[in-house]
Amino acid sequence: MQLAELKDAFVIHLESEKHASPNTVEAYGRDLDALLAFVAERAEGRATPRLDVYVLRAWLGTLARTCKPSSIARKIASVRAFCRWMKQKGHSDVNPAAELASPKVRRELPTFLSAEDTALVVESPDADNTGALRAEEAVALRDRALLELLYAGGLRVSEACGLTLANLSLSERSVRVMGKGRKERIVPIGSKAEDALRAWLAVRAELAHAKTGFLDAHAVFVSTRGRRLGPRAAQLIVRRYGLAGVGRADLHPHALRHTCATHLLDGGADLRSIQEMLGHSSLSTTQRYTHVSVAHLLAVYDAAHPLAGAKQQGDARALSTSRRRSGIGPGPDPEDGGTQAGRRAHAPGRHSTSEP
């Protein structure tokens, strides 16, 4: 089989056997298309282009000029998975990608909101202020329910948009979520999210298509044309209310997921429970929130705890003493006359020899 045919078979494998998300399938396919184009360009007319470690390293060398380390790391992951699959299926005797080294990627701390800012964002959609049109009121209630669910359950945007009515158990305050790799999990939600969902479902029919009357029979969140709400539309909703609530036009749905995890950790939840709730396959992914929480805790401690202030004062006194001993401290006290002689003259047990 040609490399292009193998690439197509690998993409089908990702979809049907690995149950990878559509975004993962698209990204891997795009990375491999770029690699195969590079391989064909270097083939120099050979009928069967070679894919070996030297070609892979040359390809990565060209990427280093234009791509970030994080992008290169993802492309290496795509190639590794493809080469590993080819060897497992017997299409290759070796795995040339096994010798590739991934660049070091700086892992930034997750973005999250304070509890006060979260409330401002989530409560921004106000159905009472949208006017008399039922459709506008329904949109506001839908947006409020979406924001509440993203924060209360820590759902990914694709998970929230993919919810069906059968996934909701409002009487038990929980939703059944289909996560990455088609792994199901039960996510608890709070009373505010439950109330918001009930209010939205009561007017959901108002968003049926104005002309055809079409309304998706299964989707929890629908657009103004009655179709399932897509992730891109949900991102725009979060951005709009981020700007309206706290002036954050860059707010994204994953920030609400980060916020949920951080607030749970601050409230005393253990990492294992948060891992299960968020659907993380690895605990190391969940542990990122400990850095955010500890940094926040230290800032609060320094600002509020009396011992923090005492420590700062002690550090200042120690610094002042060190500077005096090294001769770089502040000048002599004016009350002592401004000179070493003045300080000696005023010291206890000493008398001046000058005439009064």
Foldseek 3Di string as FASTA:
>chain_A
DAPVVLLVVVLVCCVPPQVADPVLSVLLSVLVVVLVVQQVVPQVPDPHGDDALVSVVVVLVVCVVPDDLVSSQSSLVSLQSSLVVCCVVPVDVDRRSVPDDRDDDDDDFAAADDPVLLCLLLPVLDLVPQDDDLLSSLVSLLLSLLSQCLQFQLEDLQFLLPAWPVQDDLVQQWGWTQDGSRDIAITHGDPSSSVSLVVNVVSVQCLDAPPPSEADNITSHAHSNRHRDDSVNSQCSSLVSSCVRPNRNPDGSNNSSLHNLLVCVLVPDDLVVNCRSHVPPDSVVSCSSVVVNVVVVVVCCCVDPPVNVVVVVVVVVVVQVVCVVVVNHDFDDVVQVRDPVSVQCPDPPHHDPDDD
